[in-house]
Amino acid sequence: MVNCYRPNTLKEALDILNKEECIILAGGTDLMVRGKQWSGLIPNFEEQVLFINHLPELKEVRVEDNDLIIGSCCKLGELEMNSIIPQYLKDVIKEMASIGTRNIATIGGNICNGSPAGDILPPLYALGSKVVIANSNGERKIPIKELIVGSGKTILKNNEILKEIIIENYNFTDYYYYKVGTRKSTALAKVSFIGFYKIEDDIVKDIRIALGAVSPTIVNDRDLECSFISLSRLETKAKLEEIIERYKEIIMPIDDARSTARYRKKVSINLINYFFNERIFK
């Protein structure tokens, strides 16, 4: 028999995880599908279920010392309507699933699912976001790229909960986002691209790029991006071929039910070319 727990505080939830091996359920939009049984029966879970989507400690959105902090159990639909959330995140959220799903699904769930096609991940990777992981002994903060180690794989331990996401460089206003899917809505990404940029007096001050659904984890090369900083548009343009060759090396897509590796790689390179030619060089 499976027990369900609905703690009143984050501390209670972490205490339960110290004693029981539980499936952590926030919105459940992925977990309920995975556990689905025939004929509309109740989803089958082999472990205890711990509900956390109601915990106030996981639902805050705030700005501290110029950092944007988002609780892991904030629903996507709530974030879409929140005035603190930057437009680029709202643009990403608007293209995720259906309105009904967005009103249930949480940002933390999309992250912890660990899918390279997770829509919320590319902007978080591009901006070097960090995550706070809590257990009964305290908290630790790590870069989001260290949280996800493969398709569907994270370093979260059985007694840990993703508490919040920290975006330190969240105030970008110039960006380009594009999601390639089978349909214009309610579709999983075949390829997703986001590029942020700051250009002043024809000099590149910053560039951030990330691609989703084209490798086991999100594709992002901060060292390559830093090599553009302080260059003029013209100097950056001279490096475009080098940039493209580097991305060809690190983009490692697969064939699956949604698309082919060849298509994904071709589209990814086209999007990178478009970003530089239409946003950086103009």
Protein backbone atom coordinates (compact mmCIF):
# COMPACT_ATOMS: atom_id res chain seq x y z
CA MET A 1 0.00 0.00 0.00
CA VAL A 2 1.29 3.45 -0.93
CA ASN A 3 1.02 6.29 1.58
CA CYS A 4 0.61 9.93 0.59
CA TYR A 5 2.08 12.76 2.64
CA ARG A 6 1.04 16.41 2.61
CA PRO A 7 3.36 18.26 5.03
CA ASN A 8 2.64 21.77 6.28
CA THR A 9 6.19 23.11 5.98
CA LEU A 10 9.35 22.47 4.01
CA LYS A 11 11.01 21.23 7.21
CA GLU A 12 8.29 18.61 7.67
CA ALA A 13 8.73 17.52 4.05
CA LEU A 14 12.49 17.11 4.49
CA ASP A 15 11.99 15.17 7.73
CA ILE A 16 9.68 12.77 5.89
CA LEU A 17 12.28 12.28 3.16
CA ASN A 18 14.83 11.35 5.83
CA LYS A 19 12.60 8.48 6.94
CA GLU A 20 10.82 7.40 3.76
CA GLU A 21 11.75 6.93 0.12
CA CYS A 22 9.18 9.05 -1.68
CA ILE A 23 8.19 10.23 -5.10
CA ILE A 24 8.07 14.02 -4.87
CA LEU A 25 4.99 15.40 -6.61
CA ALA A 26 4.48 19.10 -7.35
CA GLY A 27 2.28 19.67 -10.41
CA GLY A 28 2.53 16.04 -11.47
CA THR A 29 2.04 16.76 -15.17
CA ASP A 30 4.89 14.38 -16.08
CA LEU A 31 4.65 11.93 -13.19
CA MET A 32 0.92 11.29 -13.63
CA VAL A 33 1.47 10.46 -17.30
CA ARG A 34 4.37 8.12 -16.49
CA GLY A 35 2.28 6.29 -13.91
CA LYS A 36 -0.83 6.12 -16.08
CA GLN A 37 -2.63 2.78 -16.22
CA TRP A 38 -5.12 1.35 -18.66
CA SER A 39 -8.84 2.10 -18.47
CA GLY A 40 -8.44 5.31 -16.50
CA LEU A 41 -7.27 3.61 -13.31
CA ILE A 42 -5.44 5.65 -10.68
CA PRO A 43 -1.77 6.14 -11.67
CA ASN A 44 0.48 3.47 -10.24
CA PHE A 45 3.29 4.61 -7.94
CA GLU A 46 5.49 2.03 -6.24
CA GLU A 47 6.84 4.44 -3.62
CA GLN A 48 5.22 6.77 -1.11
CA VAL A 49 4.06 10.09 -2.57
CA LEU A 50 5.09 13.42 -1.05
CA PHE A 51 3.04 16.44 -2.15
CA ILE A 52 4.95 19.73 -2.04
CA ASN A 53 3.21 22.15 -4.41
CA HIS A 54 1.35 23.89 -1.56
CA LEU A 55 4.41 24.69 0.57
CA PRO A 56 4.81 28.48 0.96
CA GLU A 57 8.63 28.26 1.17
CA LEU A 58 8.65 26.93 -2.41
CA LYS A 59 6.27 29.47 -3.96
CA GLU A 60 8.06 32.80 -3.52
CA VAL A 61 9.16 35.12 -6.32
CA ARG A 62 11.44 37.94 -5.21
CA VAL A 63 14.45 40.08 -6.11
CA GLU A 64 17.40 40.16 -3.71
CA ASP A 65 20.62 42.07 -4.43
CA ASN A 66 19.73 42.21 -8.13
CA ASP A 67 19.16 38.44 -8.24
CA LEU A 68 15.81 37.04 -9.34
CA ILE A 69 14.76 34.17 -7.06
CA ILE A 70 11.94 31.84 -8.07
CA GLY A 71 10.51 29.13 -5.82
CA SER A 72 10.55 25.67 -7.35
CA CYS A 73 6.80 25.15 -6.90
CA CYS A 74 5.74 28.34 -8.65
CA LYS A 75 3.28 27.34 -11.36
CA LEU A 76 4.19 28.27 -14.90
CA GLY A 77 0.88 30.07 -15.39
CA GLU A 78 1.50 32.16 -12.27
CA LEU A 79 4.97 33.13 -13.48
CA GLU A 80 3.54 34.14 -16.85
CA MET A 81 1.32 36.69 -15.08
CA ASN A 82 3.85 37.89 -12.50
CA SER A 83 5.14 41.44 -13.11
CA ILE A 84 8.57 40.59 -11.65
CA ILE A 85 9.25 37.87 -14.22
CA PRO A 86 11.25 39.14 -17.25
CA GLN A 87 9.65 39.03 -20.67
CA TYR A 88 12.01 36.38 -22.07
CA LEU A 89 10.83 33.85 -19.48
CA LYS A 90 7.21 34.74 -20.21
CA ASP A 91 7.83 34.19 -23.93
CA VAL A 92 9.23 30.74 -23.18
CA ILE A 93 6.36 29.85 -20.85
CA LYS A 94 3.71 30.96 -23.38
CA GLU A 95 4.92 28.29 -25.78
CA MET A 96 4.90 25.51 -23.20
CA ALA A 97 2.13 22.92 -23.29
CA SER A 98 -1.50 24.09 -22.93
CA ILE A 99 -2.97 26.76 -20.67
CA GLY A 100 -4.43 24.04 -18.45
CA THR A 101 -1.07 22.33 -18.05
CA ARG A 102 0.69 25.63 -17.34
CA ASN A 103 -1.80 26.27 -14.55
CA ILE A 104 -0.65 23.06 -12.83
CA ALA A 105 2.96 22.44 -13.89
CA THR A 106 5.78 24.00 -11.87
CA ILE A 107 9.11 25.47 -12.90
CA GLY A 108 10.90 23.08 -10.55
CA GLY A 109 9.20 20.09 -12.10
CA ASN A 110 10.32 21.11 -15.58
CA ILE A 111 13.87 21.38 -14.27
CA CYS A 112 13.94 18.17 -12.22
CA ASN A 113 12.44 16.19 -15.07
CA GLY A 114 15.89 16.62 -16.57
CA SER A 115 14.75 16.45 -20.17
CA PRO A 116 17.04 18.17 -22.71
CA ALA A 117 13.79 19.30 -24.37
CA GLY A 118 12.63 21.03 -21.17
CA ASP A 119 11.55 24.48 -22.36
CA ILE A 120 12.53 26.42 -19.27
CA LEU A 121 16.11 25.13 -19.26
CA PRO A 122 17.78 27.02 -22.16
CA PRO A 123 17.31 30.53 -20.68
CA LEU A 124 18.42 29.29 -17.26
CA TYR A 125 21.56 27.70 -18.71
CA ALA A 126 22.33 30.69 -20.91
CA LEU A 127 22.20 33.04 -17.93
CA GLY A 128 24.31 30.82 -15.68
CA SER A 129 21.49 30.30 -13.19
CA LYS A 130 21.99 28.55 -9.89
CA VAL A 131 19.69 26.30 -7.89
CA VAL A 132 19.28 25.88 -4.15
CA ILE A 133 18.89 22.29 -2.95
CA ALA A 134 17.55 21.64 0.54
CA ASN A 135 17.77 18.67 2.89
CA SER A 136 17.24 18.27 6.62
CA ASN A 137 20.85 19.31 7.32
CA GLY A 138 20.72 22.58 5.40
CA GLU A 139 21.01 23.97 1.90
CA ARG A 140 23.54 24.05 -0.92
CA LYS A 141 23.73 26.23 -4.02
CA ILE A 142 25.09 24.90 -7.31
CA PRO A 143 25.04 25.96 -10.98
CA ILE A 144 22.05 24.51 -12.79
CA LYS A 145 24.39 22.83 -15.29
CA GLU A 146 25.72 20.69 -12.42
CA LEU A 147 22.22 19.60 -11.39
CA ILE A 148 21.36 17.79 -14.63
CA VAL A 149 23.94 15.19 -15.68
CA GLY A 150 22.12 13.46 -18.54
CA SER A 151 18.77 12.99 -20.18
CA GLY A 152 16.32 12.54 -17.30
CA LYS A 153 19.15 12.35 -14.74
CA THR A 154 19.91 14.75 -11.89
CA ILE A 155 22.22 14.65 -8.88
CA LEU A 156 19.32 15.12 -6.45
CA LYS A 157 19.46 12.61 -3.61
CA ASN A 158 16.40 10.84 -2.22
CA ASN A 159 16.33 13.15 0.80
CA GLU A 160 16.64 16.42 -1.17
CA ILE A 161 14.23 18.94 -2.65
CA LEU A 162 14.92 21.64 -5.21
CA LYS A 163 14.01 24.77 -3.25
CA GLU A 164 14.55 27.71 -5.60
CA ILE A 165 16.18 29.00 -8.75
CA ILE A 166 18.49 32.03 -8.74
CA ILE A 167 19.03 34.06 -11.91
CA GLU A 168 21.87 36.47 -11.22
CA ASN A 169 21.92 38.14 -14.64
CA TYR A 170 18.20 38.34 -15.23
CA ASN A 171 17.76 41.87 -16.58
CA PHE A 172 18.48 41.25 -20.27
CA THR A 173 16.10 43.11 -22.58
CA ASP A 174 17.66 42.15 -25.92
CA TYR A 175 17.17 38.51 -26.82
CA TYR A 176 15.97 36.14 -29.51
CA TYR A 177 13.94 33.00 -28.69
CA TYR A 178 12.69 30.37 -31.10
CA LYS A 179 11.14 26.98 -30.49
CA VAL A 180 10.78 24.43 -33.28
CA GLY A 181 7.93 21.99 -32.75
CA THR A 182 5.47 19.89 -34.72
CA ARG A 183 2.74 22.43 -33.95
CA LYS A 184 2.65 26.06 -32.86
CA SER A 185 1.39 25.06 -29.40
CA THR A 186 1.16 22.04 -27.07
CA ALA A 187 4.22 20.49 -28.71
CA LEU A 188 7.49 19.21 -27.32
CA ALA A 189 10.54 20.94 -28.75
CA LYS A 190 12.45 19.46 -31.65
CA VAL A 191 14.94 22.28 -31.18
CA SER A 192 14.83 25.35 -28.96
CA PHE A 193 17.18 28.33 -29.11
CA ILE A 194 17.69 31.42 -27.00
CA GLY A 195 20.30 34.11 -27.41
CA PHE A 196 20.83 37.16 -25.18
CA TYR A 197 23.03 40.08 -26.12
CA LYS A 198 24.24 43.48 -24.96
CA ILE A 199 25.88 45.78 -27.50
CA GLU A 200 27.01 49.32 -26.72
CA ASP A 201 28.66 51.70 -29.19
CA ASP A 202 29.10 48.84 -31.65
CA ILE A 203 31.01 46.78 -29.06
CA VAL A 204 29.80 43.39 -27.81
CA LYS A 205 29.39 43.62 -24.04
CA ASP A 206 27.81 40.20 -23.53
CA ILE A 207 26.38 37.26 -25.45
CA ARG A 208 24.60 34.24 -23.95
CA ILE A 209 23.42 31.31 -26.06
CA ALA A 210 21.73 27.98 -25.25
CA LEU A 211 20.05 25.27 -27.29
CA GLY A 212 17.67 22.58 -26.09
CA ALA A 213 16.69 19.14 -27.41
CA VAL A 214 19.93 18.74 -29.39
CA SER A 215 22.16 16.91 -26.88
CA PRO A 216 21.77 14.86 -23.67
CA THR A 217 21.86 18.16 -21.76
CA ILE A 218 21.41 21.80 -22.75
CA VAL A 219 24.12 23.06 -25.14
CA ASN A 220 25.93 26.13 -23.80
CA ASP A 221 29.60 27.17 -24.12
CA ARG A 222 30.39 30.10 -21.85
CA ASP A 223 34.09 30.10 -22.75
CA LEU A 224 33.22 30.59 -26.41
CA GLU A 225 30.77 33.37 -25.54
CA CYS A 226 33.37 35.19 -23.46
CA SER A 227 35.70 35.25 -26.46
CA PHE A 228 33.30 37.68 -28.18
CA ILE A 229 33.20 40.19 -25.33
CA SER A 230 34.84 43.56 -26.10
CA LEU A 231 34.99 42.78 -29.81
CA SER A 232 33.33 45.05 -32.35
CA ARG A 233 30.48 43.75 -34.47
CA LEU A 234 32.88 43.53 -37.41
CA GLU A 235 35.46 41.58 -35.41
CA THR A 236 32.76 39.21 -34.19
CA LYS A 237 31.53 38.71 -37.74
CA ALA A 238 35.04 37.63 -38.75
CA LYS A 239 34.78 34.83 -36.17
CA LEU A 240 31.39 33.51 -37.31
CA GLU A 241 32.80 30.49 -39.12
CA GLU A 242 34.80 29.56 -36.03
CA ILE A 243 31.65 29.93 -33.92
CA ILE A 244 29.62 27.70 -36.23
CA GLU A 245 32.31 25.01 -36.28
CA ARG A 246 32.42 24.96 -32.49
CA TYR A 247 28.66 24.49 -32.23
CA LYS A 248 28.78 21.72 -34.82
CA GLU A 249 31.14 19.91 -32.44
CA ILE A 250 29.06 20.26 -29.28
CA ILE A 251 25.59 19.74 -30.75
CA MET A 252 24.94 15.99 -30.52
CA PRO A 253 21.30 15.30 -31.38
CA ILE A 254 19.56 11.95 -31.71
CA ASP A 255 16.87 10.43 -33.91
CA ASP A 256 13.60 9.96 -32.03
CA ALA A 257 9.84 10.00 -32.59
CA ARG A 258 9.78 13.79 -32.91
CA SER A 259 12.65 14.41 -35.31
CA THR A 260 15.96 13.27 -36.77
CA ALA A 261 19.47 14.12 -35.67
CA ARG A 262 20.25 15.54 -39.10
CA TYR A 263 17.27 17.89 -39.01
CA ARG A 264 18.01 19.05 -35.49
CA LYS A 265 21.63 19.85 -36.27
CA LYS A 266 20.77 21.71 -39.47
CA VAL A 267 18.08 23.80 -37.78
CA SER A 268 20.35 24.55 -34.81
CA ILE A 269 23.08 25.92 -37.07
CA ASN A 270 20.51 27.94 -39.03
CA LEU A 271 19.23 29.50 -35.80
CA ILE A 272 22.74 30.39 -34.66
CA ASN A 273 23.46 31.95 -38.04
CA TYR A 274 20.21 33.91 -37.89
CA PHE A 275 20.92 35.16 -34.38
CA PHE A 276 24.33 36.52 -35.29
CA ASN A 277 23.42 37.93 -38.69
CA GLU A 278 20.10 39.50 -37.71
CA ARG A 279 20.73 40.52 -34.10
CA ILE A 280 24.48 40.91 -33.53
CA PHE A 281 25.83 42.13 -36.86
CA LYS A 282 23.03 44.56 -37.77
